Amino acid sequence: MDIDSHQHFWQYSPAELGWISAAMPGLQRDFLPTDLKPLLDANSIGGTVAVQARQSLAETEWLLALADVHPFIL
């Protein structure tokens, strides 16, 4: 099985994701498992590893909750 080894998920918030500048308009939106799944399927990728975009316990818990709901998040 091929695995995407580095995937970020987020619900965009300028206050929480301050590293995303105005020069990065393509990143100024939500990135969720439902956005990724069609791309994984189209490229025969069996799963992905979620990586934090910010260092917080709340995000860790959110990513673990996403993995509980979406089996392709490994």
C-alpha atoms as a PDB file:
ATOM      1  CA  MET A   1       0.000   0.000   0.000  1.00  0.00           C
ATOM      2  CA  ASP A   2       1.296   3.466  -0.883  1.00  0.00           C
ATOM      3  CA  ILE A   3       0.965   6.041   1.893  1.00  0.00           C
ATOM      4  CA  ASP A   4       1.051   9.840   1.828  1.00  0.00           C
ATOM      5  CA  SER A   5       3.434  10.402   4.725  1.00  0.00           C
ATOM      6  CA  HIS A   6       2.725  14.072   5.465  1.00  0.00           C
ATOM      7  CA  GLN A   7      -0.735  15.631   5.385  1.00  0.00           C
ATOM      8  CA  HIS A   8      -2.054  18.681   7.215  1.00  0.00           C
ATOM      9  CA  PHE A   9      -5.733  19.213   7.968  1.00  0.00           C
ATOM     10  CA  TRP A  10      -7.130  22.464   9.294  1.00  0.00           C
ATOM     11  CA  GLN A  11     -10.125  24.685   9.609  1.00  0.00           C
ATOM     12  CA  TYR A  12      -8.620  27.968   8.489  1.00  0.00           C
ATOM     13  CA  SER A  13      -8.217  30.643  11.120  1.00  0.00           C
ATOM     14  CA  PRO A  14      -5.796  33.530  10.469  1.00  0.00           C
ATOM     15  CA  ALA A  15      -5.244  33.905  14.222  1.00  0.00           C
ATOM     16  CA  GLU A  16      -4.252  30.259  14.682  1.00  0.00           C
ATOM     17  CA  LEU A  17      -2.381  29.790  11.400  1.00  0.00           C
ATOM     18  CA  GLY A  18      -0.386  33.029  11.343  1.00  0.00           C
ATOM     19  CA  TRP A  19       2.341  31.480   9.201  1.00  0.00           C
ATOM     20  CA  ILE A  20      -0.081  31.539   6.252  1.00  0.00           C
ATOM     21  CA  SER A  21       0.509  34.987   4.789  1.00  0.00           C
ATOM     22  CA  ALA A  22      -1.440  37.030   2.246  1.00  0.00           C
ATOM     23  CA  ALA A  23       1.046  35.741  -0.332  1.00  0.00           C
ATOM     24  CA  MET A  24      -0.463  32.246   0.131  1.00  0.00           C
ATOM     25  CA  PRO A  25      -4.132  32.685  -0.838  1.00  0.00           C
ATOM     26  CA  GLY A  26      -4.429  29.038  -1.904  1.00  0.00           C
ATOM     27  CA  LEU A  27      -3.879  27.977   1.725  1.00  0.00           C
ATOM     28  CA  GLN A  28      -6.403  30.400   3.203  1.00  0.00           C
ATOM     29  CA  ARG A  29      -9.211  27.859   3.336  1.00  0.00           C
ATOM     30  CA  ASP A  30     -10.200  24.704   5.177  1.00  0.00           C
ATOM     31  CA  PHE A  31      -8.339  21.498   4.328  1.00  0.00           C
ATOM     32  CA  LEU A  32     -10.325  18.517   5.581  1.00  0.00           C
ATOM     33  CA  PRO A  33     -10.367  14.742   4.986  1.00  0.00           C
ATOM     34  CA  THR A  34     -13.232  15.100   2.516  1.00  0.00           C
ATOM     35  CA  ASP A  35     -10.959  17.306   0.376  1.00  0.00           C
ATOM     36  CA  LEU A  36      -8.166  14.739   0.377  1.00  0.00           C
ATOM     37  CA  LYS A  37     -10.051  11.469  -0.096  1.00  0.00           C
ATOM     38  CA  PRO A  38     -10.840  11.906  -3.826  1.00  0.00           C
ATOM     39  CA  LEU A  39      -7.179  12.678  -4.515  1.00  0.00           C
ATOM     40  CA  LEU A  40      -6.015   9.612  -2.615  1.00  0.00           C
ATOM     41  CA  ASP A  41      -8.471   7.443  -4.528  1.00  0.00           C
ATOM     42  CA  ALA A  42      -7.529   8.927  -7.913  1.00  0.00           C
ATOM     43  CA  ASN A  43      -3.862   8.185  -7.259  1.00  0.00           C
ATOM     44  CA  SER A  44      -4.240   4.766  -5.583  1.00  0.00           C
ATOM     45  CA  ILE A  45      -2.899   6.001  -2.254  1.00  0.00           C
ATOM     46  CA  GLY A  46      -4.134   3.792   0.572  1.00  0.00           C
ATOM     47  CA  GLY A  47      -3.756   6.165   3.483  1.00  0.00           C
ATOM     48  CA  THR A  48      -2.154   9.259   4.917  1.00  0.00           C
ATOM     49  CA  VAL A  49      -0.313  10.360   8.036  1.00  0.00           C
ATOM     50  CA  ALA A  50      -1.736  13.515   9.589  1.00  0.00           C
ATOM     51  CA  VAL A  51       0.821  16.050  10.817  1.00  0.00           C
ATOM     52  CA  GLN A  52       0.055  18.988  13.075  1.00  0.00           C
ATOM     53  CA  ALA A  53      -0.046  22.479  11.543  1.00  0.00           C
ATOM     54  CA  ARG A  54       0.230  24.019  15.021  1.00  0.00           C
ATOM     55  CA  GLN A  55       1.476  22.616  18.306  1.00  0.00           C
ATOM     56  CA  SER A  56      -1.479  22.284  20.626  1.00  0.00           C
ATOM     57  CA  LEU A  57      -3.208  19.554  22.556  1.00  0.00           C
ATOM     58  CA  ALA A  58      -6.529  20.642  21.035  1.00  0.00           C
ATOM     59  CA  GLU A  59      -5.227  20.023  17.528  1.00  0.00           C
ATOM     60  CA  THR A  60      -3.798  16.635  18.496  1.00  0.00           C
ATOM     61  CA  GLU A  61      -7.179  15.610  19.879  1.00  0.00           C
ATOM     62  CA  TRP A  62      -8.940  16.944  16.764  1.00  0.00           C
ATOM     63  CA  LEU A  63      -6.609  14.980  14.446  1.00  0.00           C
ATOM     64  CA  LEU A  64      -7.147  11.801  16.475  1.00  0.00           C
ATOM     65  CA  ALA A  65     -10.912  12.335  16.255  1.00  0.00           C
ATOM     66  CA  LEU A  66     -10.614  12.721  12.469  1.00  0.00           C
ATOM     67  CA  ALA A  67      -8.671   9.451  12.327  1.00  0.00           C
ATOM     68  CA  ASP A  68     -11.452   7.719  14.265  1.00  0.00           C
ATOM     69  CA  VAL A  69     -13.962   8.776  11.594  1.00  0.00           C
ATOM     70  CA  HIS A  70     -11.783   8.421   8.471  1.00  0.00           C
ATOM     71  CA  PRO A  71      -9.953   5.069   8.296  1.00  0.00           C
ATOM     72  CA  PHE A  72      -7.554   6.343   5.615  1.00  0.00           C
ATOM     73  CA  ILE A  73      -5.925   8.628   8.229  1.00  0.00           C
ATOM     74  CA  LEU A  74      -3.305   6.301   9.627  1.00  0.00           C
END
